Amino acid sequence: MDQFQGNNLSLLNLPINELPLSESFILRSKLMGFFTLQDILHENQRLLHERDDYSEHWYFEFVDFLKRKDLLYLLS
């Protein structure tokens, strides 16, 4: 694993409200009980859409953030 990827992995355990994500994403994450991106990744991705307060816009922002940080592989 290169240094860049290692630094990006550390983002997974930072509080969501400290990451460069929208206020809407931060609020919706909090309402669903997610406080780090690692919390979201630990959730069953197939059942995620059934949670109260879930929205596709929220999920697409999550996926886009992972993609921009070269962490999209974590969803597979």
C-alpha atoms as a PDB file:
ATOM      1  CA  MET A   1       0.000   0.000   0.000  1.00  0.00           C
ATOM      2  CA  ASP A   2       1.449   3.353  -0.933  1.00  0.00           C
ATOM      3  CA  GLN A   3       1.636   6.340   1.426  1.00  0.00           C
ATOM      4  CA  PHE A   4      -1.189   8.191  -0.362  1.00  0.00           C
ATOM      5  CA  GLN A   5      -3.615   5.298  -0.041  1.00  0.00           C
ATOM      6  CA  GLY A   6      -2.677   4.832   3.621  1.00  0.00           C
ATOM      7  CA  ASN A   7      -3.423   8.479   4.325  1.00  0.00           C
ATOM      8  CA  ASN A   8      -6.797   8.144   2.634  1.00  0.00           C
ATOM      9  CA  LEU A   9      -7.643   5.062   4.702  1.00  0.00           C
ATOM     10  CA  SER A  10      -7.189   7.170   7.833  1.00  0.00           C
ATOM     11  CA  LEU A  11     -10.108   9.331   6.628  1.00  0.00           C
ATOM     12  CA  LEU A  12     -12.450   6.433   7.333  1.00  0.00           C
ATOM     13  CA  ASN A  13     -12.154   6.850  11.081  1.00  0.00           C
ATOM     14  CA  LEU A  14     -12.394  10.624  11.254  1.00  0.00           C
ATOM     15  CA  PRO A  15     -15.711  12.104  12.363  1.00  0.00           C
ATOM     16  CA  ILE A  16     -17.907  12.711   9.326  1.00  0.00           C
ATOM     17  CA  ASN A  17     -18.455  16.318  10.405  1.00  0.00           C
ATOM     18  CA  GLU A  18     -14.700  16.941   9.989  1.00  0.00           C
ATOM     19  CA  LEU A  19     -14.657  15.738   6.380  1.00  0.00           C
ATOM     20  CA  PRO A  20     -15.265  17.879   3.272  1.00  0.00           C
ATOM     21  CA  LEU A  21     -18.843  16.656   2.799  1.00  0.00           C
ATOM     22  CA  SER A  22     -22.094  18.580   2.500  1.00  0.00           C
ATOM     23  CA  GLU A  23     -24.086  19.678   5.525  1.00  0.00           C
ATOM     24  CA  SER A  24     -26.926  17.540   4.228  1.00  0.00           C
ATOM     25  CA  PHE A  25     -24.690  14.459   4.135  1.00  0.00           C
ATOM     26  CA  ILE A  26     -23.421  15.156   7.644  1.00  0.00           C
ATOM     27  CA  LEU A  27     -26.939  15.607   9.059  1.00  0.00           C
ATOM     28  CA  ARG A  28     -28.395  12.577   7.299  1.00  0.00           C
ATOM     29  CA  SER A  29     -25.465  10.446   8.466  1.00  0.00           C
ATOM     30  CA  LYS A  30     -26.035  11.550  12.047  1.00  0.00           C
ATOM     31  CA  LEU A  31     -29.767  10.790  11.793  1.00  0.00           C
ATOM     32  CA  MET A  32     -28.930   7.271  10.610  1.00  0.00           C
ATOM     33  CA  GLY A  33     -26.411   6.777  13.429  1.00  0.00           C
ATOM     34  CA  PHE A  34     -23.247   6.999  11.334  1.00  0.00           C
ATOM     35  CA  PHE A  35     -20.409   9.033  12.784  1.00  0.00           C
ATOM     36  CA  THR A  36     -17.514   7.845  10.594  1.00  0.00           C
ATOM     37  CA  LEU A  37     -17.284   6.533   7.056  1.00  0.00           C
ATOM     38  CA  GLN A  38     -16.141   3.252   8.571  1.00  0.00           C
ATOM     39  CA  ASP A  39     -19.577   3.034  10.264  1.00  0.00           C
ATOM     40  CA  ILE A  40     -21.223   3.248   6.840  1.00  0.00           C
ATOM     41  CA  LEU A  41     -18.863   0.678   5.336  1.00  0.00           C
ATOM     42  CA  HIS A  42     -19.604  -1.771   8.153  1.00  0.00           C
ATOM     43  CA  GLU A  43     -23.314  -1.541   7.403  1.00  0.00           C
ATOM     44  CA  ASN A  44     -24.791  -4.160   5.075  1.00  0.00           C
ATOM     45  CA  GLN A  45     -24.709  -2.197   1.805  1.00  0.00           C
ATOM     46  CA  ARG A  46     -27.643  -4.147   0.383  1.00  0.00           C
ATOM     47  CA  LEU A  47     -29.884  -3.101   3.294  1.00  0.00           C
ATOM     48  CA  LEU A  48     -28.637   0.452   3.621  1.00  0.00           C
ATOM     49  CA  HIS A  49     -31.416   1.862   1.437  1.00  0.00           C
ATOM     50  CA  GLU A  50     -34.017   0.524   3.906  1.00  0.00           C
ATOM     51  CA  ARG A  51     -32.839   2.791   6.739  1.00  0.00           C
ATOM     52  CA  ASP A  52     -34.949   5.741   7.795  1.00  0.00           C
ATOM     53  CA  ASP A  53     -33.459   8.999   6.489  1.00  0.00           C
ATOM     54  CA  TYR A  54     -31.614   7.240   3.624  1.00  0.00           C
ATOM     55  CA  SER A  55     -31.562   9.017   0.276  1.00  0.00           C
ATOM     56  CA  GLU A  56     -29.914   8.220  -3.020  1.00  0.00           C
ATOM     57  CA  HIS A  57     -28.340  11.674  -3.070  1.00  0.00           C
ATOM     58  CA  TRP A  58     -26.703  10.891   0.285  1.00  0.00           C
ATOM     59  CA  TYR A  59     -25.393   7.544  -1.010  1.00  0.00           C
ATOM     60  CA  PHE A  60     -24.090   9.038  -4.261  1.00  0.00           C
ATOM     61  CA  GLU A  61     -22.170  11.654  -2.271  1.00  0.00           C
ATOM     62  CA  PHE A  62     -20.673   8.849  -0.173  1.00  0.00           C
ATOM     63  CA  VAL A  63     -19.656   6.879  -3.275  1.00  0.00           C
ATOM     64  CA  ASP A  64     -18.273   9.999  -4.953  1.00  0.00           C
ATOM     65  CA  PHE A  65     -16.161  10.828  -1.905  1.00  0.00           C
ATOM     66  CA  LEU A  66     -14.733   7.293  -1.821  1.00  0.00           C
ATOM     67  CA  LYS A  67     -14.018   7.508  -5.550  1.00  0.00           C
ATOM     68  CA  ARG A  68     -12.215  10.865  -5.242  1.00  0.00           C
ATOM     69  CA  LYS A  69     -10.064   9.434  -2.454  1.00  0.00           C
ATOM     70  CA  ASP A  70      -9.287   6.198  -4.368  1.00  0.00           C
ATOM     71  CA  LEU A  71     -11.203   4.166  -1.789  1.00  0.00           C
ATOM     72  CA  LEU A  72     -14.090   2.946  -3.917  1.00  0.00           C
ATOM     73  CA  TYR A  73     -12.665  -0.580  -3.844  1.00  0.00           C
ATOM     74  CA  LEU A  74     -13.832  -0.766  -0.203  1.00  0.00           C
ATOM     75  CA  LEU A  75     -17.430  -1.167  -1.402  1.00  0.00           C
ATOM     76  CA  SER A  76     -16.706  -4.406  -3.273  1.00  0.00           C
END
